């Protein structure tokens, strides 16, 4: 291997490591402050980088948020594939992923607040939702799932129930028996049982 090739590989690895650090730092910043409240200089400092690299790799703060949100969606789709033949357990696994990755629901909330009505729809989310709706529709057509709800509505109910505990306000948690400290196993069971109840005609 000649020196130019070796140097090119090192540069490529360094660039990829820098992008990864920027995405990780931006995930923390956007989850905490949203798009408007986030600061590019804080992200750069947290990533041990500089603002010029953010603009070089992502074009703008909005472009960086899009990259963060796209990566988060892809990771969730890959980690928790839908199982239309066992929607209660699918919801349970989604719930687990929100517990393990609490920034996901925060990023989704900021996305809804700051991007609603913008007209810019992310292909990864559209494609993922379309594939899930097809899976539900096929299971319904084969008689393996209730037809009580249309495929898109059933999927929406499952998705919302999976995020039930992670989307509540503290005041709700305070009045639930056991409060916010209620057991993780119980919270998961509520999600799974609620989705199972949807499937009874």
C-alpha atoms as a PDB file:
ATOM      1  CA  UNK A   1       0.000   0.000   0.000  1.00  0.00           C
ATOM      2  CA  UNK A   2       1.525   3.327  -1.038  1.00  0.00           C
ATOM      3  CA  UNK A   3       1.608   6.345   1.238  1.00  0.00           C
ATOM      4  CA  UNK A   4      -1.114   8.265  -0.615  1.00  0.00           C
ATOM      5  CA  UNK A   5      -3.599   5.402  -0.265  1.00  0.00           C
ATOM      6  CA  UNK A   6      -2.732   4.922   3.406  1.00  0.00           C
ATOM      7  CA  UNK A   7      -3.070   8.654   4.079  1.00  0.00           C
ATOM      8  CA  UNK A   8      -6.411   8.734   2.271  1.00  0.00           C
ATOM      9  CA  UNK A   9      -7.740   5.920   4.449  1.00  0.00           C
ATOM     10  CA  UNK A  10      -6.632   7.677   7.617  1.00  0.00           C
ATOM     11  CA  UNK A  11      -8.301  10.906   6.495  1.00  0.00           C
ATOM     12  CA  UNK A  12     -11.491   8.982   5.676  1.00  0.00           C
ATOM     13  CA  UNK A  13     -11.534   7.362   9.116  1.00  0.00           C
ATOM     14  CA  UNK A  14     -10.921  10.726  10.785  1.00  0.00           C
ATOM     15  CA  UNK A  15     -13.743  12.349   8.814  1.00  0.00           C
ATOM     16  CA  UNK A  16     -16.150   9.552   9.703  1.00  0.00           C
ATOM     17  CA  UNK A  17     -15.181   9.794  13.385  1.00  0.00           C
ATOM     18  CA  UNK A  18     -15.748  13.554  13.278  1.00  0.00           C
ATOM     19  CA  UNK A  19     -19.193  13.134  11.691  1.00  0.00           C
ATOM     20  CA  UNK A  20     -20.094  10.531  14.335  1.00  0.00           C
ATOM     21  CA  UNK A  21     -19.039  12.849  17.161  1.00  0.00           C
ATOM     22  CA  UNK A  22     -21.012  15.713  15.612  1.00  0.00           C
ATOM     23  CA  UNK A  23     -24.137  13.549  15.285  1.00  0.00           C
ATOM     24  CA  UNK A  24     -23.836  12.328  18.870  1.00  0.00           C
ATOM     25  CA  UNK A  25     -23.319  15.847  20.220  1.00  0.00           C
ATOM     26  CA  UNK A  26     -26.142  17.215  18.071  1.00  0.00           C
ATOM     27  CA  UNK A  27     -28.481  14.465  19.285  1.00  0.00           C
ATOM     28  CA  UNK A  28     -27.904  15.567  22.868  1.00  0.00           C
ATOM     29  CA  UNK A  29     -28.279  19.254  22.023  1.00  0.00           C
ATOM     30  CA  UNK A  30     -31.418  18.928  19.892  1.00  0.00           C
ATOM     31  CA  UNK A  31     -33.069  16.577  22.390  1.00  0.00           C
ATOM     32  CA  UNK A  32     -32.512  19.141  25.133  1.00  0.00           C
ATOM     33  CA  UNK A  33     -33.248  22.393  23.287  1.00  0.00           C
ATOM     34  CA  UNK A  34     -35.030  21.639  20.014  1.00  0.00           C
ATOM     35  CA  UNK A  35     -33.973  23.132  16.703  1.00  0.00           C
ATOM     36  CA  UNK A  36     -34.460  26.827  17.436  1.00  0.00           C
ATOM     37  CA  UNK A  37     -32.922  26.665  20.904  1.00  0.00           C
ATOM     38  CA  UNK A  38     -29.857  24.644  19.968  1.00  0.00           C
ATOM     39  CA  UNK A  39     -26.494  26.327  19.500  1.00  0.00           C
ATOM     40  CA  UNK A  40     -24.049  25.269  16.815  1.00  0.00           C
ATOM     41  CA  UNK A  41     -21.106  26.402  18.912  1.00  0.00           C
ATOM     42  CA  UNK A  42     -22.182  24.173  21.818  1.00  0.00           C
ATOM     43  CA  UNK A  43     -22.519  21.204  19.472  1.00  0.00           C
ATOM     44  CA  UNK A  44     -19.071  21.849  18.004  1.00  0.00           C
ATOM     45  CA  UNK A  45     -17.496  22.160  21.450  1.00  0.00           C
ATOM     46  CA  UNK A  46     -19.185  18.991  22.715  1.00  0.00           C
ATOM     47  CA  UNK A  47     -17.973  17.130  19.608  1.00  0.00           C
ATOM     48  CA  UNK A  48     -14.418  18.473  19.985  1.00  0.00           C
ATOM     49  CA  UNK A  49     -14.818  20.005  16.539  1.00  0.00           C
ATOM     50  CA  UNK A  50     -15.638  23.428  15.104  1.00  0.00           C
ATOM     51  CA  UNK A  51     -18.584  25.172  13.465  1.00  0.00           C
ATOM     52  CA  UNK A  52     -16.898  25.125  10.064  1.00  0.00           C
ATOM     53  CA  UNK A  53     -16.997  21.333  10.025  1.00  0.00           C
ATOM     54  CA  UNK A  54     -20.704  21.315  10.850  1.00  0.00           C
ATOM     55  CA  UNK A  55     -21.433  23.552   7.883  1.00  0.00           C
ATOM     56  CA  UNK A  56     -19.043  21.546   5.704  1.00  0.00           C
ATOM     57  CA  UNK A  57     -20.688  18.204   6.442  1.00  0.00           C
ATOM     58  CA  UNK A  58     -24.317  19.225   6.988  1.00  0.00           C
ATOM     59  CA  UNK A  59     -24.779  22.637   5.372  1.00  0.00           C
ATOM     60  CA  UNK A  60     -26.707  24.251   8.229  1.00  0.00           C
ATOM     61  CA  UNK A  61     -28.153  23.662  11.671  1.00  0.00           C
ATOM     62  CA  UNK A  62     -31.373  22.445  10.031  1.00  0.00           C
ATOM     63  CA  UNK A  63     -29.355  20.081   7.877  1.00  0.00           C
ATOM     64  CA  UNK A  64     -27.644  18.719  10.978  1.00  0.00           C
ATOM     65  CA  UNK A  65     -31.016  18.183  12.669  1.00  0.00           C
ATOM     66  CA  UNK A  66     -32.259  16.337   9.577  1.00  0.00           C
ATOM     67  CA  UNK A  67     -29.198  14.070   9.725  1.00  0.00           C
ATOM     68  CA  UNK A  68     -29.773  13.402  13.433  1.00  0.00           C
ATOM     69  CA  UNK A  69     -33.462  12.656  12.949  1.00  0.00           C
ATOM     70  CA  UNK A  70     -32.821  10.471   9.904  1.00  0.00           C
ATOM     71  CA  UNK A  71     -30.180   8.450  11.785  1.00  0.00           C
ATOM     72  CA  UNK A  72     -32.468   8.071  14.807  1.00  0.00           C
ATOM     73  CA  UNK A  73     -35.335   6.818  12.622  1.00  0.00           C
ATOM     74  CA  UNK A  74     -33.127   4.324  10.788  1.00  0.00           C
ATOM     75  CA  UNK A  75     -31.716   2.995  14.054  1.00  0.00           C
ATOM     76  CA  UNK A  76     -35.230   2.524  15.466  1.00  0.00           C
ATOM     77  CA  UNK A  77     -36.508   0.775  12.320  1.00  0.00           C
ATOM     78  CA  UNK A  78     -33.486  -1.540  12.282  1.00  0.00           C
ATOM     79  CA  UNK A  79     -33.596  -2.268  16.018  1.00  0.00           C
ATOM     80  CA  UNK A  80     -37.363  -2.813  16.253  1.00  0.00           C
ATOM     81  CA  UNK A  81     -38.759  -4.324  13.037  1.00  0.00           C
ATOM     82  CA  UNK A  82     -42.519  -4.701  12.924  1.00  0.00           C
ATOM     83  CA  UNK A  83     -44.128  -8.085  13.516  1.00  0.00           C
ATOM     84  CA  UNK A  84     -47.713  -7.789  12.292  1.00  0.00           C
ATOM     85  CA  UNK A  85     -48.475 -11.245  13.715  1.00  0.00           C
ATOM     86  CA  UNK A  86     -47.561 -10.111  17.234  1.00  0.00           C
ATOM     87  CA  UNK A  87     -48.377  -6.420  17.510  1.00  0.00           C
ATOM     88  CA  UNK A  88     -48.565  -6.462  21.333  1.00  0.00           C
ATOM     89  CA  UNK A  89     -44.957  -7.660  21.607  1.00  0.00           C
ATOM     90  CA  UNK A  90     -43.903  -5.256  18.828  1.00  0.00           C
ATOM     91  CA  UNK A  91     -45.344  -2.435  20.939  1.00  0.00           C
ATOM     92  CA  UNK A  92     -43.519  -3.813  23.963  1.00  0.00           C
ATOM     93  CA  UNK A  93     -40.214  -3.791  22.086  1.00  0.00           C
ATOM     94  CA  UNK A  94     -40.838  -0.233  20.911  1.00  0.00           C
ATOM     95  CA  UNK A  95     -41.561   0.745  24.509  1.00  0.00           C
ATOM     96  CA  UNK A  96     -38.286  -0.886  25.545  1.00  0.00           C
ATOM     97  CA  UNK A  97     -36.405   1.077  22.889  1.00  0.00           C
ATOM     98  CA  UNK A  98     -37.823   4.358  24.203  1.00  0.00           C
ATOM     99  CA  UNK A  99     -36.716   3.451  27.722  1.00  0.00           C
ATOM    100  CA  UNK A 100     -33.215   2.628  26.469  1.00  0.00           C
ATOM    101  CA  UNK A 101     -33.048   5.689  24.184  1.00  0.00           C
ATOM    102  CA  UNK A 102     -35.054   8.461  25.904  1.00  0.00           C
ATOM    103  CA  UNK A 103     -33.861  11.087  23.444  1.00  0.00           C
ATOM    104  CA  UNK A 104     -35.974   9.471  20.693  1.00  0.00           C
ATOM    105  CA  UNK A 105     -39.288  10.723  22.038  1.00  0.00           C
ATOM    106  CA  UNK A 106     -37.811  14.135  22.842  1.00  0.00           C
ATOM    107  CA  UNK A 107     -36.487  14.522  19.292  1.00  0.00           C
ATOM    108  CA  UNK A 108     -39.848  13.392  17.888  1.00  0.00           C
ATOM    109  CA  UNK A 109     -41.638  15.982  20.034  1.00  0.00           C
ATOM    110  CA  UNK A 110     -39.357  18.793  18.851  1.00  0.00           C
ATOM    111  CA  UNK A 111     -39.798  17.569  15.283  1.00  0.00           C
ATOM    112  CA  UNK A 112     -43.593  17.777  15.572  1.00  0.00           C
ATOM    113  CA  UNK A 113     -43.442  21.199  17.220  1.00  0.00           C
ATOM    114  CA  UNK A 114     -40.942  22.837  14.884  1.00  0.00           C
ATOM    115  CA  UNK A 115     -41.443  21.050  11.586  1.00  0.00           C
ATOM    116  CA  UNK A 116     -45.220  20.501  11.461  1.00  0.00           C
ATOM    117  CA  UNK A 117     -46.675  21.988   8.300  1.00  0.00           C
ATOM    118  CA  UNK A 118     -43.287  22.639   6.752  1.00  0.00           C
ATOM    119  CA  UNK A 119     -44.056  20.319   3.850  1.00  0.00           C
ATOM    120  CA  UNK A 120     -40.638  18.680   4.144  1.00  0.00           C
ATOM    121  CA  UNK A 121     -41.410  15.000   4.787  1.00  0.00           C
ATOM    122  CA  UNK A 122     -38.533  12.644   5.497  1.00  0.00           C
ATOM    123  CA  UNK A 123     -38.364   9.685   3.078  1.00  0.00           C
ATOM    124  CA  UNK A 124     -37.107   7.275   5.753  1.00  0.00           C
ATOM    125  CA  UNK A 125     -40.191   7.928   7.892  1.00  0.00           C
ATOM    126  CA  UNK A 126     -42.598   7.776   4.947  1.00  0.00           C
ATOM    127  CA  UNK A 127     -41.069   4.523   3.697  1.00  0.00           C
ATOM    128  CA  UNK A 128     -41.048   2.953   7.148  1.00  0.00           C
ATOM    129  CA  UNK A 129     -44.673   3.838   7.831  1.00  0.00           C
ATOM    130  CA  UNK A 130     -45.773   2.627   4.392  1.00  0.00           C
ATOM    131  CA  UNK A 131     -44.013  -0.710   4.916  1.00  0.00           C
ATOM    132  CA  UNK A 132     -45.603  -1.137   8.345  1.00  0.00           C
ATOM    133  CA  UNK A 133     -49.058  -0.331   6.998  1.00  0.00           C
ATOM    134  CA  UNK A 134     -48.570  -2.907   4.223  1.00  0.00           C
ATOM    135  CA  UNK A 135     -47.528  -5.524   6.782  1.00  0.00           C
ATOM    136  CA  UNK A 136     -50.645  -4.839   8.876  1.00  0.00           C
ATOM    137  CA  UNK A 137     -52.885  -4.861   5.787  1.00  0.00           C
ATOM    138  CA  UNK A 138     -51.468  -8.202   4.610  1.00  0.00           C
ATOM    139  CA  UNK A 139     -52.032  -9.749   8.036  1.00  0.00           C
ATOM    140  CA  UNK A 140     -55.606  -8.461   8.025  1.00  0.00           C
ATOM    141  CA  UNK A 141     -56.251  -9.787   4.532  1.00  0.00           C
ATOM    142  CA  UNK A 142     -54.905 -13.191   5.584  1.00  0.00           C
ATOM    143  CA  UNK A 143     -57.235 -13.235   8.583  1.00  0.00           C
ATOM    144  CA  UNK A 144     -54.431 -13.065  11.141  1.00  0.00           C
ATOM    145  CA  UNK A 145     -55.369  -9.600  12.420  1.00  0.00           C
ATOM    146  CA  UNK A 146     -58.616  -7.904  13.302  1.00  0.00           C
ATOM    147  CA  UNK A 147     -60.197  -5.648  10.689  1.00  0.00           C
ATOM    148  CA  UNK A 148     -61.834  -3.577  13.415  1.00  0.00           C
ATOM    149  CA  UNK A 149     -59.566  -0.677  12.423  1.00  0.00           C
ATOM    150  CA  UNK A 150     -58.151   0.178   8.984  1.00  0.00           C
ATOM    151  CA  UNK A 151     -54.429  -0.695   8.687  1.00  0.00           C
ATOM    152  CA  UNK A 152     -53.123   2.867   9.088  1.00  0.00           C
ATOM    153  CA  UNK A 153     -55.313   3.560  12.118  1.00  0.00           C
ATOM    154  CA  UNK A 154     -54.377   0.292  13.792  1.00  0.00           C
ATOM    155  CA  UNK A 155     -50.695   1.011  13.246  1.00  0.00           C
ATOM    156  CA  UNK A 156     -51.117   4.546  14.635  1.00  0.00           C
ATOM    157  CA  UNK A 157     -52.791   3.245  17.776  1.00  0.00           C
ATOM    158  CA  UNK A 158     -50.031   0.690  18.306  1.00  0.00           C
ATOM    159  CA  UNK A 159     -47.314   3.323  17.838  1.00  0.00           C
ATOM    160  CA  UNK A 160     -48.960   5.768  20.230  1.00  0.00           C
ATOM    161  CA  UNK A 161     -49.571   3.159  22.903  1.00  0.00           C
ATOM    162  CA  UNK A 162     -45.936   2.052  22.679  1.00  0.00           C
ATOM    163  CA  UNK A 163     -44.891   5.594  23.593  1.00  0.00           C
ATOM    164  CA  UNK A 164     -47.578   6.080  26.235  1.00  0.00           C
ATOM    165  CA  UNK A 165     -45.287   6.206  29.290  1.00  0.00           C
ATOM    166  CA  UNK A 166     -42.530   8.230  27.672  1.00  0.00           C
ATOM    167  CA  UNK A 167     -44.887  10.958  26.434  1.00  0.00           C
ATOM    168  CA  UNK A 168     -46.716  11.765  29.671  1.00  0.00           C
ATOM    169  CA  UNK A 169     -46.281  14.972  31.639  1.00  0.00           C
ATOM    170  CA  UNK A 170     -44.813  14.693  35.164  1.00  0.00           C
ATOM    171  CA  UNK A 171     -48.162  15.693  36.698  1.00  0.00           C
ATOM    172  CA  UNK A 172     -49.773  12.586  35.201  1.00  0.00           C
ATOM    173  CA  UNK A 173     -47.027  10.329  36.524  1.00  0.00           C
ATOM    174  CA  UNK A 174     -47.478  11.905  39.954  1.00  0.00           C
ATOM    175  CA  UNK A 175     -51.110  10.772  40.240  1.00  0.00           C
ATOM    176  CA  UNK A 176     -50.685   7.264  38.828  1.00  0.00           C
ATOM    177  CA  UNK A 177     -50.518   4.574  41.543  1.00  0.00           C
ATOM    178  CA  UNK A 178     -46.824   3.965  42.066  1.00  0.00           C
ATOM    179  CA  UNK A 179     -46.018   7.289  40.392  1.00  0.00           C
ATOM    180  CA  UNK A 180     -43.094   7.722  38.044  1.00  0.00           C
ATOM    181  CA  UNK A 181     -41.253   5.064  40.053  1.00  0.00           C
ATOM    182  CA  UNK A 182     -43.686   2.328  39.053  1.00  0.00           C
ATOM    183  CA  UNK A 183     -41.861  -0.785  37.880  1.00  0.00           C
ATOM    184  CA  UNK A 184     -40.527  -0.985  34.332  1.00  0.00           C
ATOM    185  CA  UNK A 185     -42.090  -4.432  33.997  1.00  0.00           C
ATOM    186  CA  UNK A 186     -45.525  -3.069  34.911  1.00  0.00           C
ATOM    187  CA  UNK A 187     -45.276  -0.170  32.454  1.00  0.00           C
ATOM    188  CA  UNK A 188     -44.330  -2.585  29.673  1.00  0.00           C
ATOM    189  CA  UNK A 189     -47.188  -4.907  30.604  1.00  0.00           C
ATOM    190  CA  UNK A 190     -49.679  -2.038  30.349  1.00  0.00           C
ATOM    191  CA  UNK A 191     -48.494  -1.280  26.803  1.00  0.00           C
ATOM    192  CA  UNK A 192     -48.624  -4.928  25.694  1.00  0.00           C
ATOM    193  CA  UNK A 193     -52.025  -5.548  27.303  1.00  0.00           C
ATOM    194  CA  UNK A 194     -53.526  -2.369  25.837  1.00  0.00           C
ATOM    195  CA  UNK A 195     -52.424  -3.277  22.317  1.00  0.00           C
ATOM    196  CA  UNK A 196     -53.722  -6.825  22.772  1.00  0.00           C
ATOM    197  CA  UNK A 197     -57.111  -5.346  23.724  1.00  0.00           C
ATOM    198  CA  UNK A 198     -57.242  -3.491  20.392  1.00  0.00           C
ATOM    199  CA  UNK A 199     -57.037  -6.768  18.522  1.00  0.00           C
ATOM    200  CA  UNK A 200     -60.234  -8.243  19.954  1.00  0.00           C
ATOM    201  CA  UNK A 201     -63.265  -7.760  17.692  1.00  0.00           C
END
